[in-house]
Amino acid sequence: MPTTNTHALIFSLIISPIFCSACGMDATEERQLGAEAAAEVERRVQVVRDAEGEQALATIGNALVQAGGAVAYPYTFRIVRDSTVKETPIR
């Protein structure tokens, strides 16, 4: 898990199927657009590489996605370092 000095921000990129459908994109194009957007975000932020933290985040994120119903697209979750996020100790 990130240390107490690590400010982490969880993000996921979701390209709305409704938005993409209105643009006339097929599923392959939508996935490509999502991959390009994710790559751009990862170029702009510092991704924290922490296997244990990534696994915990994926478990939580995937449970939330599945709770929303049928999943048409894959989701990827990353932990990023962000100095604007303030850490609050758990008591």
PDB file of N, CA and C in Angstrom:
ATOM      1  N   MET A   1       0.851  -1.182   0.000  1.00  0.00           N
ATOM      2  CA  MET A   1       0.000   0.000   0.000  1.00  0.00           C
ATOM      3  C   MET A   1       0.895   1.244   0.000  1.00  0.00           C
ATOM      4  N   PRO A   2       0.367   2.383  -0.485  1.00  0.00           N
ATOM      5  CA  PRO A   2       1.153   3.599  -0.464  1.00  0.00           C
ATOM      6  C   PRO A   2       1.501   3.985   0.966  1.00  0.00           C
ATOM      7  N   THR A   3       2.681   4.565   1.151  1.00  0.00           N
ATOM      8  CA  THR A   3       3.077   5.016   2.477  1.00  0.00           C
ATOM      9  C   THR A   3       2.255   6.220   2.879  1.00  0.00           C
ATOM     10  N   THR A   4       2.388   6.617   4.155  1.00  0.00           N
ATOM     11  CA  THR A   4       1.609   7.768   4.620  1.00  0.00           C
ATOM     12  C   THR A   4       2.046   9.046   3.923  1.00  0.00           C
ATOM     13  N   ASN A   5       3.241   9.061   3.341  1.00  0.00           N
ATOM     14  CA  ASN A   5       3.711  10.250   2.619  1.00  0.00           C
ATOM     15  C   ASN A   5       3.214  10.291   1.181  1.00  0.00           C
ATOM     16  N   THR A   6       2.563   9.243   0.760  1.00  0.00           N
ATOM     17  CA  THR A   6       2.080   9.176  -0.620  1.00  0.00           C
ATOM     18  C   THR A   6       0.661   9.696  -0.699  1.00  0.00           C
ATOM     19  N   HIS A   7       0.464  10.668  -1.542  1.00  0.00           N
ATOM     20  CA  HIS A   7      -0.889  11.143  -1.820  1.00  0.00           C
ATOM     21  C   HIS A   7      -1.370  10.376  -3.034  1.00  0.00           C
ATOM     22  N   ALA A   8      -2.458   9.687  -2.880  1.00  0.00           N
ATOM     23  CA  ALA A   8      -2.941   8.853  -3.980  1.00  0.00           C
ATOM     24  C   ALA A   8      -4.301   9.335  -4.445  1.00  0.00           C
ATOM     25  N   LEU A   9      -4.494   9.265  -5.701  1.00  0.00           N
ATOM     26  CA  LEU A   9      -5.776   9.582  -6.304  1.00  0.00           C
ATOM     27  C   LEU A   9      -6.153   8.414  -7.196  1.00  0.00           C
ATOM     28  N   ILE A  10      -7.332   7.916  -7.026  1.00  0.00           N
ATOM     29  CA  ILE A  10      -7.807   6.796  -7.824  1.00  0.00           C
ATOM     30  C   ILE A  10      -8.570   7.364  -9.016  1.00  0.00           C
ATOM     31  N   PHE A  11      -8.225   6.878 -10.174  1.00  0.00           N
ATOM     32  CA  PHE A  11      -8.995   7.337 -11.320  1.00  0.00           C
ATOM     33  C   PHE A  11      -9.310   6.187 -12.246  1.00  0.00           C
ATOM     34  N   SER A  12     -10.373   6.327 -12.890  1.00  0.00           N
ATOM     35  CA  SER A  12     -10.713   5.392 -13.962  1.00  0.00           C
ATOM     36  C   SER A  12     -11.269   6.225 -15.097  1.00  0.00           C
ATOM     37  N   LEU A  13     -10.997   5.802 -16.283  1.00  0.00           N
ATOM     38  CA  LEU A  13     -11.524   6.498 -17.450  1.00  0.00           C
ATOM     39  C   LEU A  13     -12.719   5.730 -17.974  1.00  0.00           C
ATOM     40  N   ILE A  14     -13.808   6.431 -18.102  1.00  0.00           N
ATOM     41  CA  ILE A  14     -15.015   5.806 -18.612  1.00  0.00           C
ATOM     42  C   ILE A  14     -15.472   6.606 -19.828  1.00  0.00           C
ATOM     43  N   ILE A  15     -15.490   5.970 -20.945  1.00  0.00           N
ATOM     44  CA  ILE A  15     -16.043   6.594 -22.147  1.00  0.00           C
ATOM     45  C   ILE A  15     -17.487   6.115 -22.240  1.00  0.00           C
ATOM     46  N   SER A  16     -18.400   7.013 -22.109  1.00  0.00           N
ATOM     47  CA  SER A  16     -19.814   6.659 -22.071  1.00  0.00           C
ATOM     48  C   SER A  16     -20.272   6.028 -23.375  1.00  0.00           C
ATOM     49  N   PRO A  17     -20.854   4.822 -23.276  1.00  0.00           N
ATOM     50  CA  PRO A  17     -21.379   4.185 -24.490  1.00  0.00           C
ATOM     51  C   PRO A  17     -22.434   5.038 -25.179  1.00  0.00           C
ATOM     52  N   ILE A  18     -23.180   5.798 -24.425  1.00  0.00           N
ATOM     53  CA  ILE A  18     -24.200   6.665 -25.016  1.00  0.00           C
ATOM     54  C   ILE A  18     -23.535   7.741 -25.858  1.00  0.00           C
ATOM     55  N   PHE A  19     -22.486   8.368 -25.316  1.00  0.00           N
ATOM     56  CA  PHE A  19     -21.760   9.408 -26.043  1.00  0.00           C
ATOM     57  C   PHE A  19     -21.165   8.832 -27.319  1.00  0.00           C
ATOM     58  N   CYS A  20     -20.484   7.688 -27.185  1.00  0.00           N
ATOM     59  CA  CYS A  20     -19.816   7.095 -28.345  1.00  0.00           C
ATOM     60  C   CYS A  20     -20.815   6.604 -29.382  1.00  0.00           C
ATOM     61  N   SER A  21     -21.945   6.076 -28.933  1.00  0.00           N
ATOM     62  CA  SER A  21     -22.977   5.624 -29.867  1.00  0.00           C
ATOM     63  C   SER A  21     -23.507   6.786 -30.688  1.00  0.00           C
ATOM     64  N   ALA A  22     -23.662   7.925 -30.034  1.00  0.00           N
ATOM     65  CA  ALA A  22     -24.159   9.112 -30.734  1.00  0.00           C
ATOM     66  C   ALA A  22     -23.162   9.575 -31.790  1.00  0.00           C
ATOM     67  N   CYS A  23     -21.879   9.255 -31.587  1.00  0.00           N
ATOM     68  CA  CYS A  23     -20.840   9.637 -32.551  1.00  0.00           C
ATOM     69  C   CYS A  23     -20.720   8.637 -33.687  1.00  0.00           C
ATOM     70  N   GLY A  24     -21.457   7.530 -33.612  1.00  0.00           N
ATOM     71  CA  GLY A  24     -21.393   6.519 -34.655  1.00  0.00           C
ATOM     72  C   GLY A  24     -20.187   5.600 -34.543  1.00  0.00           C
ATOM     73  N   MET A  25     -19.603   5.489 -33.361  1.00  0.00           N
ATOM     74  CA  MET A  25     -18.442   4.620 -33.167  1.00  0.00           C
ATOM     75  C   MET A  25     -18.879   3.189 -32.899  1.00  0.00           C
ATOM     76  N   ASP A  26     -18.074   2.241 -33.371  1.00  0.00           N
ATOM     77  CA  ASP A  26     -18.342   0.857 -33.011  1.00  0.00           C
ATOM     78  C   ASP A  26     -17.515   0.523 -31.761  1.00  0.00           C
ATOM     79  N   ALA A  27     -17.705  -0.680 -31.223  1.00  0.00           N
ATOM     80  CA  ALA A  27     -17.067  -1.060 -29.966  1.00  0.00           C
ATOM     81  C   ALA A  27     -15.540  -1.015 -30.061  1.00  0.00           C
ATOM     82  N   THR A  28     -14.987  -1.412 -31.185  1.00  0.00           N
ATOM     83  CA  THR A  28     -13.537  -1.394 -31.363  1.00  0.00           C
ATOM     84  C   THR A  28     -13.001   0.030 -31.302  1.00  0.00           C
ATOM     85  N   GLU A  29     -13.691   0.940 -31.967  1.00  0.00           N
ATOM     86  CA  GLU A  29     -13.277   2.350 -31.952  1.00  0.00           C
ATOM     87  C   GLU A  29     -13.403   2.941 -30.552  1.00  0.00           C
ATOM     88  N   GLU A  30     -14.457   2.569 -29.841  1.00  0.00           N
ATOM     89  CA  GLU A  30     -14.647   3.062 -28.478  1.00  0.00           C
ATOM     90  C   GLU A  30     -13.510   2.594 -27.575  1.00  0.00           C
ATOM     91  N   ARG A  31     -13.139   1.315 -27.684  1.00  0.00           N
ATOM     92  CA  ARG A  31     -12.039   0.786 -26.868  1.00  0.00           C
ATOM     93  C   ARG A  31     -10.723   1.491 -27.214  1.00  0.00           C
ATOM     94  N   GLN A  32     -10.491   1.735 -28.490  1.00  0.00           N
ATOM     95  CA  GLN A  32      -9.277   2.424 -28.917  1.00  0.00           C
ATOM     96  C   GLN A  32      -9.239   3.840 -28.359  1.00  0.00           C
ATOM     97  N   LEU A  33     -10.351   4.537 -28.410  1.00  0.00           N
ATOM     98  CA  LEU A  33     -10.431   5.890 -27.856  1.00  0.00           C
ATOM     99  C   LEU A  33     -10.138   5.863 -26.355  1.00  0.00           C
ATOM    100  N   GLY A  34     -10.713   4.895 -25.651  1.00  0.00           N
ATOM    101  CA  GLY A  34     -10.464   4.759 -24.221  1.00  0.00           C
ATOM    102  C   GLY A  34      -9.002   4.482 -23.925  1.00  0.00           C
ATOM    103  N   ALA A  35      -8.367   3.604 -24.703  1.00  0.00           N
ATOM    104  CA  ALA A  35      -6.952   3.286 -24.510  1.00  0.00           C
ATOM    105  C   ALA A  35      -6.071   4.511 -24.753  1.00  0.00           C
ATOM    106  N   GLU A  36      -6.406   5.287 -25.773  1.00  0.00           N
ATOM    107  CA  GLU A  36      -5.647   6.508 -26.060  1.00  0.00           C
ATOM    108  C   GLU A  36      -5.798   7.530 -24.943  1.00  0.00           C
ATOM    109  N   ALA A  37      -7.021   7.691 -24.440  1.00  0.00           N
ATOM    110  CA  ALA A  37      -7.264   8.632 -23.339  1.00  0.00           C
ATOM    111  C   ALA A  37      -6.521   8.194 -22.079  1.00  0.00           C
ATOM    112  N   ALA A  38      -6.537   6.901 -21.779  1.00  0.00           N
ATOM    113  CA  ALA A  38      -5.833   6.380 -20.600  1.00  0.00           C
ATOM    114  C   ALA A  38      -4.330   6.610 -20.732  1.00  0.00           C
ATOM    115  N   ALA A  39      -3.781   6.360 -21.915  1.00  0.00           N
ATOM    116  CA  ALA A  39      -2.350   6.564 -22.140  1.00  0.00           C
ATOM    117  C   ALA A  39      -1.976   8.030 -21.960  1.00  0.00           C
ATOM    118  N   GLU A  40      -2.815   8.929 -22.420  1.00  0.00           N
ATOM    119  CA  GLU A  40      -2.554  10.368 -22.270  1.00  0.00           C
ATOM    120  C   GLU A  40      -2.559  10.767 -20.800  1.00  0.00           C
ATOM    121  N   VAL A  41      -3.521  10.278 -20.034  1.00  0.00           N
ATOM    122  CA  VAL A  41      -3.566  10.582 -18.605  1.00  0.00           C
ATOM    123  C   VAL A  41      -2.307  10.055 -17.922  1.00  0.00           C
ATOM    124  N   GLU A  42      -1.909   8.828 -18.255  1.00  0.00           N
ATOM    125  CA  GLU A  42      -0.724   8.238 -17.621  1.00  0.00           C
ATOM    126  C   GLU A  42       0.565   8.973 -17.996  1.00  0.00           C
ATOM    127  N   ARG A  43       0.589   9.668 -19.125  1.00  0.00           N
ATOM    128  CA  ARG A  43       1.744  10.498 -19.479  1.00  0.00           C
ATOM    129  C   ARG A  43       1.775  11.772 -18.638  1.00  0.00           C
ATOM    130  N   ARG A  44       0.621  12.205 -18.176  1.00  0.00           N
ATOM    131  CA  ARG A  44       0.526  13.485 -17.468  1.00  0.00           C
ATOM    132  C   ARG A  44       0.610  13.370 -15.951  1.00  0.00           C
ATOM    133  N   VAL A  45       0.407  12.185 -15.409  1.00  0.00           N
ATOM    134  CA  VAL A  45       0.435  12.004 -13.959  1.00  0.00           C
ATOM    135  C   VAL A  45       1.441  10.916 -13.598  1.00  0.00           C
ATOM    136  N   GLN A  46       1.862  10.912 -12.347  1.00  0.00           N
ATOM    137  CA  GLN A  46       2.792   9.881 -11.884  1.00  0.00           C
ATOM    138  C   GLN A  46       1.991   8.704 -11.337  1.00  0.00           C
ATOM    139  N   VAL A  47       2.054   7.590 -12.020  1.00  0.00           N
ATOM    140  CA  VAL A  47       1.358   6.386 -11.585  1.00  0.00           C
ATOM    141  C   VAL A  47       2.198   5.700 -10.518  1.00  0.00           C
ATOM    142  N   VAL A  48       1.551   5.338  -9.401  1.00  0.00           N
ATOM    143  CA  VAL A  48       2.220   4.642  -8.314  1.00  0.00           C
ATOM    144  C   VAL A  48       2.190   3.154  -8.614  1.00  0.00           C
ATOM    145  N   ARG A  49       3.360   2.538  -8.685  1.00  0.00           N
ATOM    146  CA  ARG A  49       3.462   1.092  -8.942  1.00  0.00           C
ATOM    147  C   ARG A  49       3.592   0.394  -7.595  1.00  0.00           C
ATOM    148  N   ASP A  50       2.522  -0.216  -7.167  1.00  0.00           N
ATOM    149  CA  ASP A  50       2.472  -0.912  -5.879  1.00  0.00           C
ATOM    150  C   ASP A  50       1.533  -2.092  -6.059  1.00  0.00           C
ATOM    151  N   ALA A  51       2.096  -3.287  -6.206  1.00  0.00           N
ATOM    152  CA  ALA A  51       1.301  -4.466  -6.539  1.00  0.00           C
ATOM    153  C   ALA A  51       0.168  -4.707  -5.545  1.00  0.00           C
ATOM    154  N   GLU A  52       0.458  -4.585  -4.262  1.00  0.00           N
ATOM    155  CA  GLU A  52      -0.577  -4.826  -3.249  1.00  0.00           C
ATOM    156  C   GLU A  52      -1.678  -3.764  -3.320  1.00  0.00           C
ATOM    157  N   GLY A  53      -1.293  -2.527  -3.467  1.00  0.00           N
ATOM    158  CA  GLY A  53      -2.275  -1.453  -3.576  1.00  0.00           C
ATOM    159  C   GLY A  53      -3.102  -1.549  -4.842  1.00  0.00           C
ATOM    160  N   GLU A  54      -2.449  -1.904  -5.947  1.00  0.00           N
ATOM    161  CA  GLU A  54      -3.156  -2.054  -7.215  1.00  0.00           C
ATOM    162  C   GLU A  54      -4.173  -3.185  -7.151  1.00  0.00           C
ATOM    163  N   GLN A  55      -3.797  -4.280  -6.491  1.00  0.00           N
ATOM    164  CA  GLN A  55      -4.724  -5.414  -6.357  1.00  0.00           C
ATOM    165  C   GLN A  55      -5.924  -5.025  -5.515  1.00  0.00           C
ATOM    166  N   ALA A  56      -5.675  -4.315  -4.411  1.00  0.00           N
ATOM    167  CA  ALA A  56      -6.781  -3.877  -3.548  1.00  0.00           C
ATOM    168  C   ALA A  56      -7.706  -2.926  -4.307  1.00  0.00           C
ATOM    169  N   LEU A  57      -7.118  -2.007  -5.045  1.00  0.00           N
ATOM    170  CA  LEU A  57      -7.912  -1.054  -5.821  1.00  0.00           C
ATOM    171  C   LEU A  57      -8.729  -1.765  -6.889  1.00  0.00           C
ATOM    172  N   ALA A  58      -8.123  -2.720  -7.586  1.00  0.00           N
ATOM    173  CA  ALA A  58      -8.840  -3.460  -8.630  1.00  0.00           C
ATOM    174  C   ALA A  58     -10.005  -4.243  -8.035  1.00  0.00           C
ATOM    175  N   THR A  59      -9.797  -4.831  -6.869  1.00  0.00           N
ATOM    176  CA  THR A  59     -10.870  -5.587  -6.217  1.00  0.00           C
ATOM    177  C   THR A  59     -12.052  -4.681  -5.903  1.00  0.00           C
ATOM    178  N   ILE A  60     -11.773  -3.528  -5.325  1.00  0.00           N
ATOM    179  CA  ILE A  60     -12.841  -2.572  -4.979  1.00  0.00           C
ATOM    180  C   ILE A  60     -13.485  -2.006  -6.248  1.00  0.00           C
ATOM    181  N   GLY A  61     -12.661  -1.564  -7.190  1.00  0.00           N
ATOM    182  CA  GLY A  61     -13.191  -0.971  -8.418  1.00  0.00           C
ATOM    183  C   GLY A  61     -14.050  -1.934  -9.214  1.00  0.00           C
ATOM    184  N   ASN A  62     -13.585  -3.167  -9.360  1.00  0.00           N
ATOM    185  CA  ASN A  62     -14.360  -4.153 -10.115  1.00  0.00           C
ATOM    186  C   ASN A  62     -15.663  -4.513  -9.415  1.00  0.00           C
ATOM    187  N   ALA A  63     -15.657  -4.547  -8.085  1.00  0.00           N
ATOM    188  CA  ALA A  63     -16.902  -4.808  -7.351  1.00  0.00           C
ATOM    189  C   ALA A  63     -17.908  -3.687  -7.595  1.00  0.00           C
ATOM    190  N   LEU A  64     -17.433  -2.446  -7.630  1.00  0.00           N
ATOM    191  CA  LEU A  64     -18.329  -1.312  -7.899  1.00  0.00           C
ATOM    192  C   LEU A  64     -18.875  -1.370  -9.321  1.00  0.00           C
ATOM    193  N   VAL A  65     -18.011  -1.703 -10.276  1.00  0.00           N
ATOM    194  CA  VAL A  65     -18.446  -1.809 -11.678  1.00  0.00           C
ATOM    195  C   VAL A  65     -19.507  -2.889 -11.812  1.00  0.00           C
ATOM    196  N   GLN A  66     -19.267  -4.054 -11.236  1.00  0.00           N
ATOM    197  CA  GLN A  66     -20.215  -5.167 -11.341  1.00  0.00           C
ATOM    198  C   GLN A  66     -21.525  -4.859 -10.639  1.00  0.00           C
ATOM    199  N   ALA A  67     -21.478  -4.087  -9.573  1.00  0.00           N
ATOM    200  CA  ALA A  67     -22.707  -3.719  -8.859  1.00  0.00           C
ATOM    201  C   ALA A  67     -23.595  -2.831  -9.727  1.00  0.00           C
ATOM    202  N   GLY A  68     -23.001  -2.190 -10.716  1.00  0.00           N
ATOM    203  CA  GLY A  68     -23.756  -1.323 -11.613  1.00  0.00           C
ATOM    204  C   GLY A  68     -24.510  -2.061 -12.703  1.00  0.00           C
ATOM    205  N   GLY A  69     -24.317  -3.361 -12.803  1.00  0.00           N
ATOM    206  CA  GLY A  69     -25.025  -4.132 -13.822  1.00  0.00           C
ATOM    207  C   GLY A  69     -24.075  -4.667 -14.869  1.00  0.00           C
ATOM    208  N   ALA A  70     -24.638  -4.957 -16.035  1.00  0.00           N
ATOM    209  CA  ALA A  70     -23.864  -5.551 -17.119  1.00  0.00           C
ATOM    210  C   ALA A  70     -22.696  -4.640 -17.512  1.00  0.00           C
ATOM    211  N   VAL A  71     -21.564  -5.251 -17.788  1.00  0.00           N
ATOM    212  CA  VAL A  71     -20.354  -4.515 -18.147  1.00  0.00           C
ATOM    213  C   VAL A  71     -20.033  -4.785 -19.611  1.00  0.00           C
ATOM    214  N   ALA A  72     -20.027  -3.734 -20.406  1.00  0.00           N
ATOM    215  CA  ALA A  72     -19.754  -3.882 -21.834  1.00  0.00           C
ATOM    216  C   ALA A  72     -18.286  -3.601 -22.171  1.00  0.00           C
ATOM    217  N   TYR A  73     -17.566  -2.939 -21.258  1.00  0.00           N
ATOM    218  CA  TYR A  73     -16.200  -2.517 -21.525  1.00  0.00           C
ATOM    219  C   TYR A  73     -15.306  -2.871 -20.345  1.00  0.00           C
ATOM    220  N   PRO A  74     -14.023  -3.119 -20.610  1.00  0.00           N
ATOM    221  CA  PRO A  74     -13.099  -3.384 -19.507  1.00  0.00           C
ATOM    222  C   PRO A  74     -12.770  -2.089 -18.768  1.00  0.00           C
ATOM    223  N   TYR A  75     -12.551  -2.202 -17.482  1.00  0.00           N
ATOM    224  CA  TYR A  75     -12.170  -1.057 -16.662  1.00  0.00           C
ATOM    225  C   TYR A  75     -10.780  -1.295 -16.118  1.00  0.00           C
ATOM    226  N   THR A  76      -9.986  -0.246 -16.061  1.00  0.00           N
ATOM    227  CA  THR A  76      -8.651  -0.303 -15.487  1.00  0.00           C
ATOM    228  C   THR A  76      -8.566   0.785 -14.433  1.00  0.00           C
ATOM    229  N   PHE A  77      -8.000   0.434 -13.295  1.00  0.00           N
ATOM    230  CA  PHE A  77      -7.879   1.371 -12.184  1.00  0.00           C
ATOM    231  C   PHE A  77      -6.408   1.585 -11.880  1.00  0.00           C
ATOM    232  N   ARG A  78      -6.013   2.812 -11.615  1.00  0.00           N
ATOM    233  CA  ARG A  78      -4.625   3.148 -11.310  1.00  0.00           C
ATOM    234  C   ARG A  78      -4.575   4.023 -10.064  1.00  0.00           C
ATOM    235  N   ILE A  79      -3.469   3.932  -9.365  1.00  0.00           N
ATOM    236  CA  ILE A  79      -3.193   4.822  -8.236  1.00  0.00           C
ATOM    237  C   ILE A  79      -2.192   5.836  -8.761  1.00  0.00           C
ATOM    238  N   VAL A  80      -2.472   7.119  -8.554  1.00  0.00           N
ATOM    239  CA  VAL A  80      -1.550   8.153  -9.022  1.00  0.00           C
ATOM    240  C   VAL A  80      -1.167   9.077  -7.871  1.00  0.00           C
ATOM    241  N   ARG A  81       0.039   9.619  -7.976  1.00  0.00           N
ATOM    242  CA  ARG A  81       0.514  10.581  -6.987  1.00  0.00           C
ATOM    243  C   ARG A  81      -0.036  11.950  -7.386  1.00  0.00           C
ATOM    244  N   ASP A  82      -0.630  12.635  -6.411  1.00  0.00           N
ATOM    245  CA  ASP A  82      -1.234  13.936  -6.684  1.00  0.00           C
ATOM    246  C   ASP A  82      -1.145  14.780  -5.420  1.00  0.00           C
ATOM    247  N   SER A  83      -0.393  15.856  -5.476  1.00  0.00           N
ATOM    248  CA  SER A  83      -0.171  16.692  -4.295  1.00  0.00           C
ATOM    249  C   SER A  83      -1.409  17.476  -3.865  1.00  0.00           C
ATOM    250  N   THR A  84      -2.448  17.509  -4.695  1.00  0.00           N
ATOM    251  CA  THR A  84      -3.652  18.245  -4.322  1.00  0.00           C
ATOM    252  C   THR A  84      -4.583  17.429  -3.427  1.00  0.00           C
ATOM    253  N   VAL A  85      -4.330  16.123  -3.350  1.00  0.00           N
ATOM    254  CA  VAL A  85      -5.151  15.261  -2.497  1.00  0.00           C
ATOM    255  C   VAL A  85      -4.527  15.260  -1.112  1.00  0.00           C
ATOM    256  N   LYS A  86      -5.344  15.560  -0.100  1.00  0.00           N
ATOM    257  CA  LYS A  86      -4.845  15.610   1.274  1.00  0.00           C
ATOM    258  C   LYS A  86      -5.191  14.316   1.974  1.00  0.00           C
ATOM    259  N   GLU A  87      -4.195  13.736   2.582  1.00  0.00           N
ATOM    260  CA  GLU A  87      -4.365  12.465   3.274  1.00  0.00           C
ATOM    261  C   GLU A  87      -4.986  12.706   4.635  1.00  0.00           C
ATOM    262  N   THR A  88      -5.964  11.904   4.991  1.00  0.00           N
ATOM    263  CA  THR A  88      -6.607  11.972   6.294  1.00  0.00           C
ATOM    264  C   THR A  88      -6.366  10.649   7.010  1.00  0.00           C
ATOM    265  N   PRO A  89      -5.737  10.711   8.186  1.00  0.00           N
ATOM    266  CA  PRO A  89      -5.471   9.464   8.907  1.00  0.00           C
ATOM    267  C   PRO A  89      -6.776   8.768   9.299  1.00  0.00           C
ATOM    268  N   ILE A  90      -6.755   7.451   9.245  1.00  0.00           N
ATOM    269  CA  ILE A  90      -7.908   6.651   9.690  1.00  0.00           C
ATOM    270  C   ILE A  90      -7.767   6.460  11.188  1.00  0.00           C
ATOM    271  N   ARG A  91      -8.825   6.738  11.907  1.00  0.00           N
ATOM    272  CA  ARG A  91      -8.779   6.593  13.377  1.00  0.00           C
ATOM    273  C   ARG A  91      -9.656   5.482  13.830  1.00  0.00           C
TER     274      ARG A  91
END
